[in-house]
Amino acid sequence: MMIEPPIEKMSAKVGNKYKLAVLASKRALQLQKEHLEQGVDPEVPELTQAANEIWNDEVVAVEPDK
């Protein structure tokens, strides 16, 4: 269970819990790919790093153009 950053507050930043889950998982996959290509073992799990990036506004959700 993730306690920090708080999921309820993060989902409010993004819009809803579904968008938060999709954004965090996509970013975590990007990070995992980068780590594999560089051959490094991350200090923090990729999903945790992705959640922290969302919390710190380093990664933001963008609505697609219609």
N, C-alpha and C. Protein backbone atom coordinates (compact mmCIF):
# COMPACT_ATOMS: atom_id res chain seq x y z
N MET A 1 0.84 -1.18 0.00
CA MET A 1 0.00 0.00 0.00
C MET A 1 0.88 1.24 0.00
N MET A 2 0.59 2.15 -0.90
CA MET A 2 1.36 3.38 -0.99
C MET A 2 0.79 4.42 -0.03
N ILE A 3 1.66 4.99 0.79
CA ILE A 3 1.23 6.00 1.75
C ILE A 3 1.70 7.38 1.31
N GLU A 4 2.92 7.48 0.85
CA GLU A 4 3.48 8.76 0.38
C GLU A 4 3.96 8.60 -1.03
N PRO A 5 3.63 9.43 -1.92
CA PRO A 5 2.68 10.53 -1.83
C PRO A 5 1.25 10.01 -1.73
N PRO A 6 0.34 10.81 -1.09
CA PRO A 6 -1.03 10.34 -0.86
C PRO A 6 -1.82 10.18 -2.17
N ILE A 7 -2.40 9.01 -2.35
CA ILE A 7 -3.10 8.69 -3.59
C ILE A 7 -4.29 9.61 -3.83
N GLU A 8 -5.06 9.91 -2.80
CA GLU A 8 -6.23 10.78 -2.97
C GLU A 8 -5.85 12.16 -3.48
N LYS A 9 -4.78 12.72 -2.94
CA LYS A 9 -4.35 14.05 -3.39
C LYS A 9 -3.73 13.98 -4.78
N MET A 10 -3.02 12.89 -5.08
CA MET A 10 -2.44 12.74 -6.42
C MET A 10 -3.53 12.58 -7.46
N SER A 11 -4.57 11.82 -7.15
CA SER A 11 -5.65 11.63 -8.13
C SER A 11 -6.39 12.93 -8.38
N ALA A 12 -6.47 13.80 -7.38
CA ALA A 12 -7.09 15.11 -7.57
C ALA A 12 -6.23 15.96 -8.51
N LYS A 13 -4.91 15.84 -8.43
CA LYS A 13 -4.01 16.58 -9.33
C LYS A 13 -4.20 16.15 -10.78
N VAL A 14 -4.36 14.86 -10.99
CA VAL A 14 -4.43 14.29 -12.34
C VAL A 14 -5.85 14.34 -12.89
N GLY A 15 -6.84 14.18 -12.06
CA GLY A 15 -8.22 14.20 -12.51
C GLY A 15 -9.05 13.10 -11.88
N ASN A 16 -8.52 11.88 -11.89
CA ASN A 16 -9.19 10.76 -11.22
C ASN A 16 -8.20 9.61 -11.05
N LYS A 17 -8.63 8.59 -10.33
CA LYS A 17 -7.72 7.47 -10.01
C LYS A 17 -7.34 6.68 -11.26
N TYR A 18 -8.25 6.58 -12.23
CA TYR A 18 -7.94 5.84 -13.45
C TYR A 18 -6.81 6.53 -14.20
N LYS A 19 -6.91 7.84 -14.40
CA LYS A 19 -5.86 8.59 -15.09
C LYS A 19 -4.54 8.49 -14.33
N LEU A 20 -4.61 8.53 -13.01
CA LEU A 20 -3.41 8.40 -12.19
C LEU A 20 -2.74 7.05 -12.42
N ALA A 21 -3.54 5.98 -12.42
CA ALA A 21 -2.98 4.64 -12.62
C ALA A 21 -2.34 4.51 -13.99
N VAL A 22 -3.00 5.04 -15.03
CA VAL A 22 -2.47 4.94 -16.38
C VAL A 22 -1.19 5.77 -16.51
N LEU A 23 -1.21 7.00 -16.01
CA LEU A 23 -0.04 7.88 -16.09
C LEU A 23 1.16 7.28 -15.35
N ALA A 24 0.91 6.80 -14.13
CA ALA A 24 2.00 6.23 -13.33
C ALA A 24 2.56 4.96 -13.98
N SER A 25 1.69 4.12 -14.51
CA SER A 25 2.18 2.88 -15.11
C SER A 25 2.96 3.14 -16.40
N LYS A 26 2.48 4.09 -17.21
CA LYS A 26 3.21 4.42 -18.44
C LYS A 26 4.59 4.99 -18.11
N ARG A 27 4.65 5.88 -17.12
CA ARG A 27 5.94 6.47 -16.75
C ARG A 27 6.85 5.40 -16.14
N ALA A 28 6.30 4.50 -15.35
CA ALA A 28 7.12 3.45 -14.74
C ALA A 28 7.71 2.54 -15.82
N LEU A 29 6.93 2.25 -16.86
CA LEU A 29 7.46 1.44 -17.96
C LEU A 29 8.58 2.16 -18.70
N GLN A 30 8.43 3.48 -18.90
CA GLN A 30 9.50 4.27 -19.52
C GLN A 30 10.78 4.20 -18.69
N LEU A 31 10.62 4.37 -17.39
CA LEU A 31 11.77 4.33 -16.48
C LEU A 31 12.43 2.95 -16.50
N GLN A 32 11.61 1.91 -16.49
CA GLN A 32 12.15 0.55 -16.52
C GLN A 32 12.94 0.31 -17.79
N LYS A 33 12.43 0.77 -18.92
CA LYS A 33 13.13 0.61 -20.19
C LYS A 33 14.47 1.35 -20.16
N GLU A 34 14.46 2.58 -19.63
CA GLU A 34 15.70 3.36 -19.53
C GLU A 34 16.72 2.64 -18.66
N HIS A 35 16.27 2.11 -17.54
CA HIS A 35 17.18 1.41 -16.63
C HIS A 35 17.77 0.16 -17.27
N LEU A 36 16.94 -0.57 -18.01
CA LEU A 36 17.43 -1.77 -18.68
C LEU A 36 18.45 -1.43 -19.77
N GLU A 37 18.17 -0.37 -20.54
CA GLU A 37 19.09 0.05 -21.60
C GLU A 37 20.42 0.52 -21.02
N GLN A 38 20.37 1.18 -19.88
CA GLN A 38 21.59 1.70 -19.25
C GLN A 38 22.29 0.65 -18.41
N GLY A 39 21.61 -0.44 -18.13
CA GLY A 39 22.19 -1.52 -17.34
C GLY A 39 22.37 -1.15 -15.88
N VAL A 40 21.48 -0.32 -15.36
CA VAL A 40 21.57 0.08 -13.96
C VAL A 40 20.45 -0.57 -13.15
N ASP A 41 20.73 -0.76 -11.87
CA ASP A 41 19.75 -1.27 -10.94
C ASP A 41 19.21 -0.08 -10.16
N PRO A 42 17.94 0.27 -10.31
CA PRO A 42 17.42 1.47 -9.65
C PRO A 42 17.42 1.35 -8.13
N GLU A 43 17.66 2.49 -7.48
CA GLU A 43 17.64 2.52 -6.02
C GLU A 43 16.19 2.47 -5.52
N VAL A 44 15.28 3.06 -6.30
CA VAL A 44 13.87 3.14 -5.94
C VAL A 44 13.08 2.42 -7.03
N PRO A 45 12.07 1.65 -6.67
CA PRO A 45 11.26 0.99 -7.71
C PRO A 45 10.69 2.02 -8.69
N GLU A 46 10.55 1.61 -9.94
CA GLU A 46 10.12 2.52 -10.99
C GLU A 46 8.76 3.13 -10.71
N LEU A 47 7.82 2.34 -10.17
CA LEU A 47 6.49 2.86 -9.90
C LEU A 47 6.54 3.93 -8.80
N THR A 48 7.37 3.73 -7.81
CA THR A 48 7.53 4.73 -6.76
C THR A 48 8.14 6.00 -7.32
N GLN A 49 9.14 5.85 -8.18
CA GLN A 49 9.76 7.01 -8.81
C GLN A 49 8.74 7.75 -9.67
N ALA A 50 7.92 7.03 -10.41
CA ALA A 50 6.89 7.64 -11.25
C ALA A 50 5.88 8.40 -10.38
N ALA A 51 5.46 7.82 -9.28
CA ALA A 51 4.51 8.48 -8.39
C ALA A 51 5.11 9.76 -7.81
N ASN A 52 6.38 9.70 -7.44
CA ASN A 52 7.04 10.90 -6.92
C ASN A 52 7.15 11.99 -7.98
N GLU A 53 7.41 11.61 -9.22
CA GLU A 53 7.49 12.58 -10.30
C GLU A 53 6.13 13.23 -10.54
N ILE A 54 5.06 12.47 -10.46
CA ILE A 54 3.72 13.03 -10.61
C ILE A 54 3.43 13.98 -9.45
N TRP A 55 3.76 13.59 -8.26
CA TRP A 55 3.51 14.40 -7.07
C TRP A 55 4.28 15.73 -7.14
N ASN A 56 5.49 15.69 -7.67
CA ASN A 56 6.32 16.89 -7.76
C ASN A 56 6.10 17.67 -9.05
N ASP A 57 5.06 17.33 -9.80
CA ASP A 57 4.71 18.00 -11.06
C ASP A 57 5.81 17.92 -12.11
N GLU A 58 6.63 16.89 -12.05
CA GLU A 58 7.65 16.66 -13.08
C GLU A 58 7.03 15.92 -14.26
N VAL A 59 5.94 15.19 -14.00
CA VAL A 59 5.18 14.49 -15.03
C VAL A 59 3.73 14.92 -14.84
N VAL A 60 3.11 15.39 -15.92
CA VAL A 60 1.72 15.85 -15.83
C VAL A 60 0.88 15.18 -16.91
N ALA A 61 -0.40 15.05 -16.63
CA ALA A 61 -1.34 14.48 -17.60
C ALA A 61 -1.77 15.59 -18.55
N VAL A 62 -1.80 15.26 -19.83
CA VAL A 62 -2.21 16.21 -20.85
C VAL A 62 -3.41 15.63 -21.58
N GLU A 63 -4.45 16.42 -21.71
CA GLU A 63 -5.64 15.97 -22.43
C GLU A 63 -5.36 15.98 -23.92
N PRO A 64 -5.73 14.92 -24.64
CA PRO A 64 -5.51 14.88 -26.08
C PRO A 64 -6.42 15.87 -26.81
N ASP A 65 -5.95 16.37 -27.94
CA ASP A 65 -6.76 17.25 -28.77
C ASP A 65 -7.84 16.43 -29.45
N LYS A 66 -9.00 17.01 -29.60
CA LYS A 66 -10.11 16.29 -30.24
C LYS A 66 -10.26 16.70 -31.67
